[in-house]
Amino acid sequence: PFPADPRLVRLCRAFVAAPSAAVRIDAWASRAGMSRRSFTRAFQRETGVSLSVWRRQATLLAALPLLARGASVTEVALDLGYESAPAFTTMFRRMLGVAPRTYLRQGGRGRPFPPAGGQPI
């Protein structure tokens, strides 16, 4: 879900336009003109999930079409700001229950999205 607060909406839209695993809570809080604590509380209240869960979900939504078009896991991982393909694969497996290539071979069938405890964005 997107938050209603205009400061948070601006940050979320910018992230969706250019997802990056390098997002840090302190940077977002600063850009929103909030303390870290105020930011994390507001983000959780507005979206129902933490920034890290929201970011992973948004990153997956950005990665899936790239992978489906045939981009390599390494290319997608680096494009999305991950340090390495294994780091991206770990996040992908944690969220969907299978590795990216397995997910695609299975026709997009992994663990139901979103993972337990998460909400769709």
PDB file of N, CA and C in Angstrom:
ATOM      1  N   PRO A   1       0.824  -1.204   0.000  1.00  0.00           N
ATOM      2  CA  PRO A   1       0.000   0.000   0.000  1.00  0.00           C
ATOM      3  C   PRO A   1       0.863   1.261   0.000  1.00  0.00           C
ATOM      4  N   PHE A   2       0.366   2.296  -0.622  1.00  0.00           N
ATOM      5  CA  PHE A   2       1.032   3.588  -0.572  1.00  0.00           C
ATOM      6  C   PHE A   2       0.490   4.359   0.619  1.00  0.00           C
ATOM      7  N   PRO A   3       1.339   5.114   1.269  1.00  0.00           N
ATOM      8  CA  PRO A   3       0.873   5.940   2.381  1.00  0.00           C
ATOM      9  C   PRO A   3       0.041   7.114   1.870  1.00  0.00           C
ATOM     10  N   ALA A   4      -0.667   7.781   2.766  1.00  0.00           N
ATOM     11  CA  ALA A   4      -1.445   8.960   2.406  1.00  0.00           C
ATOM     12  C   ALA A   4      -0.648  10.245   2.620  1.00  0.00           C
ATOM     13  N   ASP A   5       0.270  10.234   3.567  1.00  0.00           N
ATOM     14  CA  ASP A   5       1.079  11.414   3.879  1.00  0.00           C
ATOM     15  C   ASP A   5       1.866  11.842   2.643  1.00  0.00           C
ATOM     16  N   PRO A   6       1.702  13.061   2.180  1.00  0.00           N
ATOM     17  CA  PRO A   6       2.384  13.512   0.956  1.00  0.00           C
ATOM     18  C   PRO A   6       3.899  13.354   0.984  1.00  0.00           C
ATOM     19  N   ARG A   7       4.501  13.529   2.151  1.00  0.00           N
ATOM     20  CA  ARG A   7       5.960  13.363   2.253  1.00  0.00           C
ATOM     21  C   ARG A   7       6.355  11.919   1.966  1.00  0.00           C
ATOM     22  N   LEU A   8       5.571  10.990   2.501  1.00  0.00           N
ATOM     23  CA  LEU A   8       5.875   9.577   2.310  1.00  0.00           C
ATOM     24  C   LEU A   8       5.509   9.113   0.904  1.00  0.00           C
ATOM     25  N   VAL A   9       4.419   9.634   0.372  1.00  0.00           N
ATOM     26  CA  VAL A   9       4.018   9.287  -0.997  1.00  0.00           C
ATOM     27  C   VAL A   9       5.131   9.672  -1.978  1.00  0.00           C
ATOM     28  N   ARG A  10       5.684  10.864  -1.814  1.00  0.00           N
ATOM     29  CA  ARG A  10       6.754  11.337  -2.702  1.00  0.00           C
ATOM     30  C   ARG A  10       7.940  10.368  -2.675  1.00  0.00           C
ATOM     31  N   LEU A  11       8.316   9.934  -1.501  1.00  0.00           N
ATOM     32  CA  LEU A  11       9.439   9.005  -1.363  1.00  0.00           C
ATOM     33  C   LEU A  11       9.118   7.650  -1.995  1.00  0.00           C
ATOM     34  N   CYS A  12       7.910   7.158  -1.762  1.00  0.00           N
ATOM     35  CA  CYS A  12       7.519   5.855  -2.313  1.00  0.00           C
ATOM     36  C   CYS A  12       7.450   5.902  -3.837  1.00  0.00           C
ATOM     37  N   ARG A  13       6.900   6.964  -4.385  1.00  0.00           N
ATOM     38  CA  ARG A  13       6.837   7.087  -5.850  1.00  0.00           C
ATOM     39  C   ARG A  13       8.229   7.141  -6.454  1.00  0.00           C
ATOM     40  N   ALA A  14       9.122   7.867  -5.822  1.00  0.00           N
ATOM     41  CA  ALA A  14      10.501   7.940  -6.317  1.00  0.00           C
ATOM     42  C   ALA A  14      11.162   6.567  -6.265  1.00  0.00           C
ATOM     43  N   PHE A  15      10.876   5.811  -5.216  1.00  0.00           N
ATOM     44  CA  PHE A  15      11.459   4.474  -5.103  1.00  0.00           C
ATOM     45  C   PHE A  15      10.920   3.547  -6.186  1.00  0.00           C
ATOM     46  N   VAL A  16       9.615   3.573  -6.416  1.00  0.00           N
ATOM     47  CA  VAL A  16       9.013   2.714  -7.431  1.00  0.00           C
ATOM     48  C   VAL A  16       9.579   3.055  -8.814  1.00  0.00           C
ATOM     49  N   ALA A  17       9.834   4.332  -9.053  1.00  0.00           N
ATOM     50  CA  ALA A  17      10.398   4.755 -10.339  1.00  0.00           C
ATOM     51  C   ALA A  17      11.838   4.288 -10.504  1.00  0.00           C
ATOM     52  N   ALA A  18      12.561   4.162  -9.403  1.00  0.00           N
ATOM     53  CA  ALA A  18      13.962   3.735  -9.448  1.00  0.00           C
ATOM     54  C   ALA A  18      14.285   2.925  -8.197  1.00  0.00           C
ATOM     55  N   PRO A  19      13.832   1.659  -8.139  1.00  0.00           N
ATOM     56  CA  PRO A  19      14.056   0.834  -6.945  1.00  0.00           C
ATOM     57  C   PRO A  19      15.539   0.615  -6.680  1.00  0.00           C
ATOM     58  N   SER A  20      15.871   0.573  -5.404  1.00  0.00           N
ATOM     59  CA  SER A  20      17.263   0.338  -5.023  1.00  0.00           C
ATOM     60  C   SER A  20      17.322  -0.333  -3.659  1.00  0.00           C
ATOM     61  N   ALA A  21      18.128  -1.370  -3.591  1.00  0.00           N
ATOM     62  CA  ALA A  21      18.307  -2.073  -2.319  1.00  0.00           C
ATOM     63  C   ALA A  21      19.092  -1.233  -1.323  1.00  0.00           C
ATOM     64  N   ALA A  22      19.664  -0.142  -1.798  1.00  0.00           N
ATOM     65  CA  ALA A  22      20.512   0.690  -0.948  1.00  0.00           C
ATOM     66  C   ALA A  22      19.722   1.689  -0.100  1.00  0.00           C
ATOM     67  N   VAL A  23      18.410   1.636  -0.138  1.00  0.00           N
ATOM     68  CA  VAL A  23      17.584   2.570   0.633  1.00  0.00           C
ATOM     69  C   VAL A  23      17.828   2.376   2.119  1.00  0.00           C
ATOM     70  N   ARG A  24      18.016   3.474   2.799  1.00  0.00           N
ATOM     71  CA  ARG A  24      18.229   3.435   4.249  1.00  0.00           C
ATOM     72  C   ARG A  24      17.155   4.269   4.933  1.00  0.00           C
ATOM     73  N   ILE A  25      16.675   3.774   6.044  1.00  0.00           N
ATOM     74  CA  ILE A  25      15.613   4.457   6.781  1.00  0.00           C
ATOM     75  C   ILE A  25      16.036   5.870   7.144  1.00  0.00           C
ATOM     76  N   ASP A  26      17.269   6.042   7.608  1.00  0.00           N
ATOM     77  CA  ASP A  26      17.721   7.375   8.018  1.00  0.00           C
ATOM     78  C   ASP A  26      17.670   8.369   6.866  1.00  0.00           C
ATOM     79  N   ALA A  27      18.002   7.930   5.670  1.00  0.00           N
ATOM     80  CA  ALA A  27      17.960   8.821   4.507  1.00  0.00           C
ATOM     81  C   ALA A  27      16.522   9.213   4.192  1.00  0.00           C
ATOM     82  N   TRP A  28      15.610   8.235   4.227  1.00  0.00           N
ATOM     83  CA  TRP A  28      14.206   8.545   3.947  1.00  0.00           C
ATOM     84  C   TRP A  28      13.634   9.461   5.018  1.00  0.00           C
ATOM     85  N   ALA A  29      13.960   9.197   6.270  1.00  0.00           N
ATOM     86  CA  ALA A  29      13.458  10.038   7.360  1.00  0.00           C
ATOM     87  C   ALA A  29      13.943  11.471   7.176  1.00  0.00           C
ATOM     88  N   SER A  30      15.198  11.628   6.832  1.00  0.00           N
ATOM     89  CA  SER A  30      15.761  12.956   6.614  1.00  0.00           C
ATOM     90  C   SER A  30      15.067  13.661   5.450  1.00  0.00           C
ATOM     91  N   ARG A  31      14.864  12.940   4.352  1.00  0.00           N
ATOM     92  CA  ARG A  31      14.202  13.526   3.177  1.00  0.00           C
ATOM     93  C   ARG A  31      12.751  13.901   3.473  1.00  0.00           C
ATOM     94  N   ALA A  32      12.136  13.196   4.421  1.00  0.00           N
ATOM     95  CA  ALA A  32      10.755  13.499   4.810  1.00  0.00           C
ATOM     96  C   ALA A  32      10.698  14.569   5.890  1.00  0.00           C
ATOM     97  N   GLY A  33      11.866  14.977   6.401  1.00  0.00           N
ATOM     98  CA  GLY A  33      11.909  15.975   7.459  1.00  0.00           C
ATOM     99  C   GLY A  33      11.431  15.440   8.790  1.00  0.00           C
ATOM    100  N   MET A  34      11.718  14.148   9.025  1.00  0.00           N
ATOM    101  CA  MET A  34      11.253  13.488  10.245  1.00  0.00           C
ATOM    102  C   MET A  34      12.432  12.822  10.945  1.00  0.00           C
ATOM    103  N   SER A  35      12.270  12.571  12.236  1.00  0.00           N
ATOM    104  CA  SER A  35      13.260  11.758  12.937  1.00  0.00           C
ATOM    105  C   SER A  35      13.068  10.314  12.483  1.00  0.00           C
ATOM    106  N   ARG A  36      14.078   9.506  12.712  1.00  0.00           N
ATOM    107  CA  ARG A  36      13.979   8.091  12.337  1.00  0.00           C
ATOM    108  C   ARG A  36      12.781   7.435  13.017  1.00  0.00           C
ATOM    109  N   ARG A  37      12.627   7.694  14.289  1.00  0.00           N
ATOM    110  CA  ARG A  37      11.540   7.082  15.059  1.00  0.00           C
ATOM    111  C   ARG A  37      10.165   7.530  14.534  1.00  0.00           C
ATOM    112  N   SER A  38      10.018   8.829  14.292  1.00  0.00           N
ATOM    113  CA  SER A  38       8.749   9.335  13.756  1.00  0.00           C
ATOM    114  C   SER A  38       8.474   8.753  12.384  1.00  0.00           C
ATOM    115  N   PHE A  39       9.511   8.666  11.575  1.00  0.00           N
ATOM    116  CA  PHE A  39       9.350   8.123  10.233  1.00  0.00           C
ATOM    117  C   PHE A  39       8.907   6.663  10.285  1.00  0.00           C
ATOM    118  N   THR A  40       9.598   5.838  11.064  1.00  0.00           N
ATOM    119  CA  THR A  40       9.254   4.414  11.093  1.00  0.00           C
ATOM    120  C   THR A  40       7.837   4.207  11.620  1.00  0.00           C
ATOM    121  N   ARG A  41       7.442   4.984  12.602  1.00  0.00           N
ATOM    122  CA  ARG A  41       6.070   4.873  13.124  1.00  0.00           C
ATOM    123  C   ARG A  41       5.049   5.308  12.078  1.00  0.00           C
ATOM    124  N   ALA A  42       5.312   6.423  11.417  1.00  0.00           N
ATOM    125  CA  ALA A  42       4.381   6.931  10.405  1.00  0.00           C
ATOM    126  C   ALA A  42       4.286   5.965   9.225  1.00  0.00           C
ATOM    127  N   PHE A  43       5.418   5.451   8.781  1.00  0.00           N
ATOM    128  CA  PHE A  43       5.406   4.545   7.630  1.00  0.00           C
ATOM    129  C   PHE A  43       4.627   3.274   7.961  1.00  0.00           C
ATOM    130  N   GLN A  44       4.870   2.714   9.117  1.00  0.00           N
ATOM    131  CA  GLN A  44       4.158   1.508   9.557  1.00  0.00           C
ATOM    132  C   GLN A  44       2.655   1.782   9.681  1.00  0.00           C
ATOM    133  N   ARG A  45       2.323   2.915  10.271  1.00  0.00           N
ATOM    134  CA  ARG A  45       0.913   3.271  10.464  1.00  0.00           C
ATOM    135  C   ARG A  45       0.213   3.470   9.108  1.00  0.00           C
ATOM    136  N   GLU A  46       0.882   4.111   8.177  1.00  0.00           N
ATOM    137  CA  GLU A  46       0.264   4.442   6.883  1.00  0.00           C
ATOM    138  C   GLU A  46       0.199   3.258   5.917  1.00  0.00           C
ATOM    139  N   THR A  47       1.179   2.362   5.990  1.00  0.00           N
ATOM    140  CA  THR A  47       1.233   1.262   5.011  1.00  0.00           C
ATOM    141  C   THR A  47       0.896  -0.099   5.607  1.00  0.00           C
ATOM    142  N   GLY A  48       1.023  -0.227   6.909  1.00  0.00           N
ATOM    143  CA  GLY A  48       0.778  -1.513   7.548  1.00  0.00           C
ATOM    144  C   GLY A  48       1.996  -2.422   7.554  1.00  0.00           C
ATOM    145  N   VAL A  49       3.109  -1.962   6.960  1.00  0.00           N
ATOM    146  CA  VAL A  49       4.346  -2.746   6.930  1.00  0.00           C
ATOM    147  C   VAL A  49       5.530  -1.827   7.191  1.00  0.00           C
ATOM    148  N   SER A  50       6.644  -2.425   7.539  1.00  0.00           N
ATOM    149  CA  SER A  50       7.861  -1.641   7.735  1.00  0.00           C
ATOM    150  C   SER A  50       8.427  -1.213   6.385  1.00  0.00           C
ATOM    151  N   LEU A  51       9.323  -0.241   6.405  1.00  0.00           N
ATOM    152  CA  LEU A  51       9.967   0.196   5.172  1.00  0.00           C
ATOM    153  C   LEU A  51      10.724  -0.952   4.524  1.00  0.00           C
ATOM    154  N   SER A  52      11.386  -1.783   5.303  1.00  0.00           N
ATOM    155  CA  SER A  52      12.162  -2.871   4.711  1.00  0.00           C
ATOM    156  C   SER A  52      11.262  -3.878   3.993  1.00  0.00           C
ATOM    157  N   VAL A  53      10.114  -4.217   4.560  1.00  0.00           N
ATOM    158  CA  VAL A  53       9.184  -5.133   3.895  1.00  0.00           C
ATOM    159  C   VAL A  53       8.616  -4.468   2.643  1.00  0.00           C
ATOM    160  N   TRP A  54       8.208  -3.212   2.764  1.00  0.00           N
ATOM    161  CA  TRP A  54       7.652  -2.483   1.625  1.00  0.00           C
ATOM    162  C   TRP A  54       8.681  -2.412   0.490  1.00  0.00           C
ATOM    163  N   ARG A  55       9.919  -2.114   0.842  1.00  0.00           N
ATOM    164  CA  ARG A  55      10.988  -2.006  -0.146  1.00  0.00           C
ATOM    165  C   ARG A  55      11.218  -3.343  -0.850  1.00  0.00           C
ATOM    166  N   ARG A  56      11.243  -4.434  -0.100  1.00  0.00           N
ATOM    167  CA  ARG A  56      11.438  -5.754  -0.719  1.00  0.00           C
ATOM    168  C   ARG A  56      10.294  -6.089  -1.669  1.00  0.00           C
ATOM    169  N   GLN A  57       9.070  -5.783  -1.258  1.00  0.00           N
ATOM    170  CA  GLN A  57       7.929  -6.053  -2.127  1.00  0.00           C
ATOM    171  C   GLN A  57       8.012  -5.214  -3.404  1.00  0.00           C
ATOM    172  N   ALA A  58       8.331  -3.951  -3.268  1.00  0.00           N
ATOM    173  CA  ALA A  58       8.434  -3.078  -4.441  1.00  0.00           C
ATOM    174  C   ALA A  58       9.589  -3.521  -5.341  1.00  0.00           C
ATOM    175  N   THR A  59      10.679  -3.968  -4.745  1.00  0.00           N
ATOM    176  CA  THR A  59      11.819  -4.445  -5.528  1.00  0.00           C
ATOM    177  C   THR A  59      11.438  -5.703  -6.302  1.00  0.00           C
ATOM    178  N   LEU A  60      10.713  -6.603  -5.662  1.00  0.00           N
ATOM    179  CA  LEU A  60      10.253  -7.806  -6.371  1.00  0.00           C
ATOM    180  C   LEU A  60       9.356  -7.449  -7.540  1.00  0.00           C
ATOM    181  N   LEU A  61       8.451  -6.508  -7.330  1.00  0.00           N
ATOM    182  CA  LEU A  61       7.557  -6.097  -8.411  1.00  0.00           C
ATOM    183  C   LEU A  61       8.339  -5.487  -9.576  1.00  0.00           C
ATOM    184  N   ALA A  62       9.452  -4.847  -9.297  1.00  0.00           N
ATOM    185  CA  ALA A  62      10.297  -4.295 -10.356  1.00  0.00           C
ATOM    186  C   ALA A  62      11.124  -5.388 -11.024  1.00  0.00           C
ATOM    187  N   ALA A  63      11.534  -6.390 -10.254  1.00  0.00           N
ATOM    188  CA  ALA A  63      12.417  -7.443 -10.770  1.00  0.00           C
ATOM    189  C   ALA A  63      11.693  -8.438 -11.666  1.00  0.00           C
ATOM    190  N   LEU A  64      10.465  -8.780 -11.342  1.00  0.00           N
ATOM    191  CA  LEU A  64       9.766  -9.840 -12.067  1.00  0.00           C
ATOM    192  C   LEU A  64       9.648  -9.584 -13.573  1.00  0.00           C
ATOM    193  N   PRO A  65       9.244  -8.401 -14.016  1.00  0.00           N
ATOM    194  CA  PRO A  65       9.168  -8.200 -15.464  1.00  0.00           C
ATOM    195  C   PRO A  65      10.541  -8.225 -16.140  1.00  0.00           C
ATOM    196  N   LEU A  66      11.559  -7.758 -15.449  1.00  0.00           N
ATOM    197  CA  LEU A  66      12.911  -7.788 -16.011  1.00  0.00           C
ATOM    198  C   LEU A  66      13.370  -9.231 -16.210  1.00  0.00           C
ATOM    199  N   LEU A  67      13.142 -10.056 -15.209  1.00  0.00           N
ATOM    200  CA  LEU A  67      13.516 -11.464 -15.301  1.00  0.00           C
ATOM    201  C   LEU A  67      12.700 -12.173 -16.379  1.00  0.00           C
ATOM    202  N   ALA A  68      11.418 -11.855 -16.449  1.00  0.00           N
ATOM    203  CA  ALA A  68      10.543 -12.488 -17.441  1.00  0.00           C
ATOM    204  C   ALA A  68      10.961 -12.128 -18.868  1.00  0.00           C
ATOM    205  N   ARG A  69      11.546 -10.948 -19.042  1.00  0.00           N
ATOM    206  CA  ARG A  69      12.023 -10.536 -20.371  1.00  0.00           C
ATOM    207  C   ARG A  69      13.375 -11.147 -20.708  1.00  0.00           C
ATOM    208  N   GLY A  70      13.944 -11.910 -19.776  1.00  0.00           N
ATOM    209  CA  GLY A  70      15.188 -12.600 -20.061  1.00  0.00           C
ATOM    210  C   GLY A  70      16.442 -11.974 -19.496  1.00  0.00           C
ATOM    211  N   ALA A  71      16.317 -10.925 -18.698  1.00  0.00           N
ATOM    212  CA  ALA A  71      17.501 -10.334 -18.071  1.00  0.00           C
ATOM    213  C   ALA A  71      18.100 -11.357 -17.108  1.00  0.00           C
ATOM    214  N   SER A  72      19.403 -11.362 -17.003  1.00  0.00           N
ATOM    215  CA  SER A  72      20.060 -12.297 -16.092  1.00  0.00           C
ATOM    216  C   SER A  72      19.812 -11.870 -14.647  1.00  0.00           C
ATOM    217  N   VAL A  73      19.892 -12.832 -13.755  1.00  0.00           N
ATOM    218  CA  VAL A  73      19.723 -12.554 -12.331  1.00  0.00           C
ATOM    219  C   VAL A  73      20.774 -11.542 -11.889  1.00  0.00           C
ATOM    220  N   THR A  74      21.994 -11.695 -12.368  1.00  0.00           N
ATOM    221  CA  THR A  74      23.060 -10.763 -12.004  1.00  0.00           C
ATOM    222  C   THR A  74      22.734  -9.354 -12.471  1.00  0.00           C
ATOM    223  N   GLU A  75      22.281  -9.225 -13.705  1.00  0.00           N
ATOM    224  CA  GLU A  75      21.935  -7.914 -14.250  1.00  0.00           C
ATOM    225  C   GLU A  75      20.824  -7.254 -13.435  1.00  0.00           C
ATOM    226  N   VAL A  76      19.786  -8.006 -13.140  1.00  0.00           N
ATOM    227  CA  VAL A  76      18.667  -7.475 -12.361  1.00  0.00           C
ATOM    228  C   VAL A  76      19.138  -7.089 -10.958  1.00  0.00           C
ATOM    229  N   ALA A  77      19.908  -7.953 -10.342  1.00  0.00           N
ATOM    230  CA  ALA A  77      20.399  -7.680  -8.990  1.00  0.00           C
ATOM    231  C   ALA A  77      21.189  -6.376  -8.945  1.00  0.00           C
ATOM    232  N   LEU A  78      22.108  -6.218  -9.866  1.00  0.00           N
ATOM    233  CA  LEU A  78      22.936  -5.009  -9.876  1.00  0.00           C
ATOM    234  C   LEU A  78      22.116  -3.774 -10.239  1.00  0.00           C
ATOM    235  N   ASP A  79      21.186  -3.916 -11.177  1.00  0.00           N
ATOM    236  CA  ASP A  79      20.320  -2.788 -11.553  1.00  0.00           C
ATOM    237  C   ASP A  79      19.475  -2.317 -10.378  1.00  0.00           C
ATOM    238  N   LEU A  80      19.109  -3.231  -9.501  1.00  0.00           N
ATOM    239  CA  LEU A  80      18.270  -2.890  -8.355  1.00  0.00           C
ATOM    240  C   LEU A  80      19.073  -2.538  -7.106  1.00  0.00           C
ATOM    241  N   GLY A  81      20.377  -2.417  -7.259  1.00  0.00           N
ATOM    242  CA  GLY A  81      21.207  -1.944  -6.155  1.00  0.00           C
ATOM    243  C   GLY A  81      21.721  -2.992  -5.203  1.00  0.00           C
ATOM    244  N   TYR A  82      21.582  -4.256  -5.556  1.00  0.00           N
ATOM    245  CA  TYR A  82      22.126  -5.306  -4.699  1.00  0.00           C
ATOM    246  C   TYR A  82      23.619  -5.431  -4.941  1.00  0.00           C
ATOM    247  N   GLU A  83      24.349  -5.817  -3.916  1.00  0.00           N
ATOM    248  CA  GLU A  83      25.801  -5.972  -4.015  1.00  0.00           C
ATOM    249  C   GLU A  83      26.185  -7.125  -4.928  1.00  0.00           C
ATOM    250  N   SER A  84      25.314  -8.133  -4.998  1.00  0.00           N
ATOM    251  CA  SER A  84      25.639  -9.324  -5.773  1.00  0.00           C
ATOM    252  C   SER A  84      24.362 -10.080  -6.131  1.00  0.00           C
ATOM    253  N   ALA A  85      24.492 -10.983  -7.089  1.00  0.00           N
ATOM    254  CA  ALA A  85      23.366 -11.836  -7.460  1.00  0.00           C
ATOM    255  C   ALA A  85      22.938 -12.726  -6.285  1.00  0.00           C
ATOM    256  N   PRO A  86      23.893 -13.307  -5.526  1.00  0.00           N
ATOM    257  CA  PRO A  86      23.458 -14.124  -4.381  1.00  0.00           C
ATOM    258  C   PRO A  86      22.650 -13.337  -3.346  1.00  0.00           C
ATOM    259  N   ALA A  87      22.986 -12.077  -3.120  1.00  0.00           N
ATOM    260  CA  ALA A  87      22.216 -11.264  -2.157  1.00  0.00           C
ATOM    261  C   ALA A  87      20.785 -11.068  -2.655  1.00  0.00           C
ATOM    262  N   PHE A  88      20.637 -10.793  -3.952  1.00  0.00           N
ATOM    263  CA  PHE A  88      19.312 -10.646  -4.546  1.00  0.00           C
ATOM    264  C   PHE A  88      18.547 -11.966  -4.484  1.00  0.00           C
ATOM    265  N   THR A  89      19.220 -13.058  -4.837  1.00  0.00           N
ATOM    266  CA  THR A  89      18.588 -14.376  -4.833  1.00  0.00           C
ATOM    267  C   THR A  89      18.108 -14.744  -3.433  1.00  0.00           C
ATOM    268  N   THR A  90      18.882 -14.411  -2.418  1.00  0.00           N
ATOM    269  CA  THR A  90      18.489 -14.679  -1.034  1.00  0.00           C
ATOM    270  C   THR A  90      17.204 -13.933  -0.688  1.00  0.00           C
ATOM    271  N   MET A  91      17.138 -12.645  -1.047  1.00  0.00           N
ATOM    272  CA  MET A  91      15.927 -11.865  -0.787  1.00  0.00           C
ATOM    273  C   MET A  91      14.751 -12.453  -1.556  1.00  0.00           C
ATOM    274  N   PHE A  92      14.963 -12.790  -2.819  1.00  0.00           N
ATOM    275  CA  PHE A  92      13.904 -13.335  -3.668  1.00  0.00           C
ATOM    276  C   PHE A  92      13.376 -14.637  -3.072  1.00  0.00           C
ATOM    277  N   ARG A  93      14.288 -15.515  -2.691  1.00  0.00           N
ATOM    278  CA  ARG A  93      13.898 -16.810  -2.112  1.00  0.00           C
ATOM    279  C   ARG A  93      13.163 -16.608  -0.788  1.00  0.00           C
ATOM    280  N   ARG A  94      13.626 -15.671   0.005  1.00  0.00           N
ATOM    281  CA  ARG A  94      12.983 -15.395   1.289  1.00  0.00           C
ATOM    282  C   ARG A  94      11.546 -14.909   1.085  1.00  0.00           C
ATOM    283  N   MET A  95      11.347 -14.096   0.059  1.00  0.00           N
ATOM    284  CA  MET A  95      10.018 -13.523  -0.180  1.00  0.00           C
ATOM    285  C   MET A  95       9.073 -14.484  -0.902  1.00  0.00           C
ATOM    286  N   LEU A  96       9.597 -15.243  -1.881  1.00  0.00           N
ATOM    287  CA  LEU A  96       8.719 -16.074  -2.709  1.00  0.00           C
ATOM    288  C   LEU A  96       8.928 -17.574  -2.552  1.00  0.00           C
ATOM    289  N   GLY A  97       9.914 -17.964  -1.764  1.00  0.00           N
ATOM    290  CA  GLY A  97      10.093 -19.381  -1.466  1.00  0.00           C
ATOM    291  C   GLY A  97      10.926 -20.162  -2.462  1.00  0.00           C
ATOM    292  N   VAL A  98      11.298 -19.549  -3.576  1.00  0.00           N
ATOM    293  CA  VAL A  98      12.131 -20.209  -4.591  1.00  0.00           C
ATOM    294  C   VAL A  98      13.093 -19.190  -5.181  1.00  0.00           C
ATOM    295  N   ALA A  99      14.138 -19.690  -5.823  1.00  0.00           N
ATOM    296  CA  ALA A  99      15.105 -18.819  -6.499  1.00  0.00           C
ATOM    297  C   ALA A  99      14.457 -18.202  -7.743  1.00  0.00           C
ATOM    298  N   PRO A 100      14.981 -17.087  -8.234  1.00  0.00           N
ATOM    299  CA  PRO A 100      14.380 -16.415  -9.391  1.00  0.00           C
ATOM    300  C   PRO A 100      14.195 -17.312 -10.610  1.00  0.00           C
ATOM    301  N   ARG A 101      15.206 -18.054 -11.009  1.00  0.00           N
ATOM    302  CA  ARG A 101      15.085 -18.904 -12.199  1.00  0.00           C
ATOM    303  C   ARG A 101      14.068 -20.022 -11.982  1.00  0.00           C
ATOM    304  N   THR A 102      14.012 -20.572 -10.781  1.00  0.00           N
ATOM    305  CA  THR A 102      13.021 -21.603 -10.470  1.00  0.00           C
ATOM    306  C   THR A 102      11.622 -21.018 -10.554  1.00  0.00           C
ATOM    307  N   TYR A 103      11.459 -19.834 -10.025  1.00  0.00           N
ATOM    308  CA  TYR A 103      10.170 -19.141 -10.080  1.00  0.00           C
ATOM    309  C   TYR A 103       9.698 -18.993 -11.523  1.00  0.00           C
ATOM    310  N   LEU A 104      10.600 -18.575 -12.395  1.00  0.00           N
ATOM    311  CA  LEU A 104      10.239 -18.391 -13.799  1.00  0.00           C
ATOM    312  C   LEU A 104       9.963 -19.721 -14.491  1.00  0.00           C
ATOM    313  N   ARG A 105      10.777 -20.736 -14.197  1.00  0.00           N
ATOM    314  CA  ARG A 105      10.554 -22.060 -14.795  1.00  0.00           C
ATOM    315  C   ARG A 105       9.208 -22.645 -14.382  1.00  0.00           C
ATOM    316  N   GLN A 106       8.776 -22.313 -13.182  1.00  0.00           N
ATOM    317  CA  GLN A 106       7.505 -22.813 -12.670  1.00  0.00           C
ATOM    318  C   GLN A 106       6.334 -21.943 -13.118  1.00  0.00           C
ATOM    319  N   GLY A 107       6.586 -21.036 -14.013  1.00  0.00           N
ATOM    320  CA  GLY A 107       5.521 -20.174 -14.511  1.00  0.00           C
ATOM    321  C   GLY A 107       5.038 -19.157 -13.504  1.00  0.00           C
ATOM    322  N   GLY A 108       5.952 -18.689 -12.654  1.00  0.00           N
ATOM    323  CA  GLY A 108       5.576 -17.678 -11.670  1.00  0.00           C
ATOM    324  C   GLY A 108       4.888 -18.243 -10.448  1.00  0.00           C
ATOM    325  N   ARG A 109       5.174 -19.495 -10.169  1.00  0.00           N
ATOM    326  CA  ARG A 109       4.558 -20.100  -8.985  1.00  0.00           C
ATOM    327  C   ARG A 109       5.615 -20.283  -7.902  1.00  0.00           C
ATOM    328  N   GLY A 110       5.421 -19.607  -6.840  1.00  0.00           N
ATOM    329  CA  GLY A 110       6.260 -19.746  -5.660  1.00  0.00           C
ATOM    330  C   GLY A 110       5.327 -19.658  -4.470  1.00  0.00           C
ATOM    331  N   ARG A 111       5.841 -19.203  -3.389  1.00  0.00           N
ATOM    332  CA  ARG A 111       5.013 -18.951  -2.219  1.00  0.00           C
ATOM    333  C   ARG A 111       4.021 -17.855  -2.604  1.00  0.00           C
ATOM    334  N   PRO A 112       2.784 -17.936  -2.137  1.00  0.00           N
ATOM    335  CA  PRO A 112       1.820 -16.885  -2.465  1.00  0.00           C
ATOM    336  C   PRO A 112       2.369 -15.515  -2.086  1.00  0.00           C
ATOM    337  N   PHE A 113       2.192 -14.565  -2.966  1.00  0.00           N
ATOM    338  CA  PHE A 113       2.668 -13.207  -2.711  1.00  0.00           C
ATOM    339  C   PHE A 113       1.526 -12.427  -2.120  1.00  0.00           C
ATOM    340  N   PRO A 114       1.692 -11.707  -1.074  1.00  0.00           N
ATOM    341  CA  PRO A 114       2.912 -11.462  -0.344  1.00  0.00           C
ATOM    342  C   PRO A 114       3.193 -12.573   0.668  1.00  0.00           C
ATOM    343  N   PRO A 115       4.401 -12.565   1.235  1.00  0.00           N
ATOM    344  CA  PRO A 115       4.722 -13.572   2.231  1.00  0.00           C
ATOM    345  C   PRO A 115       3.893 -13.361   3.495  1.00  0.00           C
ATOM    346  N   ALA A 116       3.855 -14.385   4.303  1.00  0.00           N
ATOM    347  CA  ALA A 116       3.117 -14.314   5.564  1.00  0.00           C
ATOM    348  C   ALA A 116       3.520 -13.076   6.348  1.00  0.00           C
ATOM    349  N   GLY A 117       2.558 -12.356   6.824  1.00  0.00           N
ATOM    350  CA  GLY A 117       2.825 -11.180   7.627  1.00  0.00           C
ATOM    351  C   GLY A 117       2.972  -9.918   6.798  1.00  0.00           C
ATOM    352  N   GLY A 118       3.075 -10.047   5.493  1.00  0.00           N
ATOM    353  CA  GLY A 118       3.224  -8.864   4.649  1.00  0.00           C
ATOM    354  C   GLY A 118       1.905  -8.521   4.004  1.00  0.00           C
ATOM    355  N   GLN A 119       1.858  -7.370   3.428  1.00  0.00           N
ATOM    356  CA  GLN A 119       0.685  -6.940   2.691  1.00  0.00           C
ATOM    357  C   GLN A 119       1.150  -6.485   1.321  1.00  0.00           C
ATOM    358  N   PRO A 120       0.329  -6.626   0.310  1.00  0.00           N
ATOM    359  CA  PRO A 120       0.748  -6.187  -1.028  1.00  0.00           C
ATOM    360  C   PRO A 120       0.943  -4.681  -1.053  1.00  0.00           C
ATOM    361  N   ILE A 121       1.806  -4.246  -1.940  1.00  0.00           N
ATOM    362  CA  ILE A 121       2.012  -2.800  -2.057  1.00  0.00           C
ATOM    363  C   ILE A 121       1.111  -2.234  -3.122  1.00  0.00           C
TER     364      ILE A 121
END
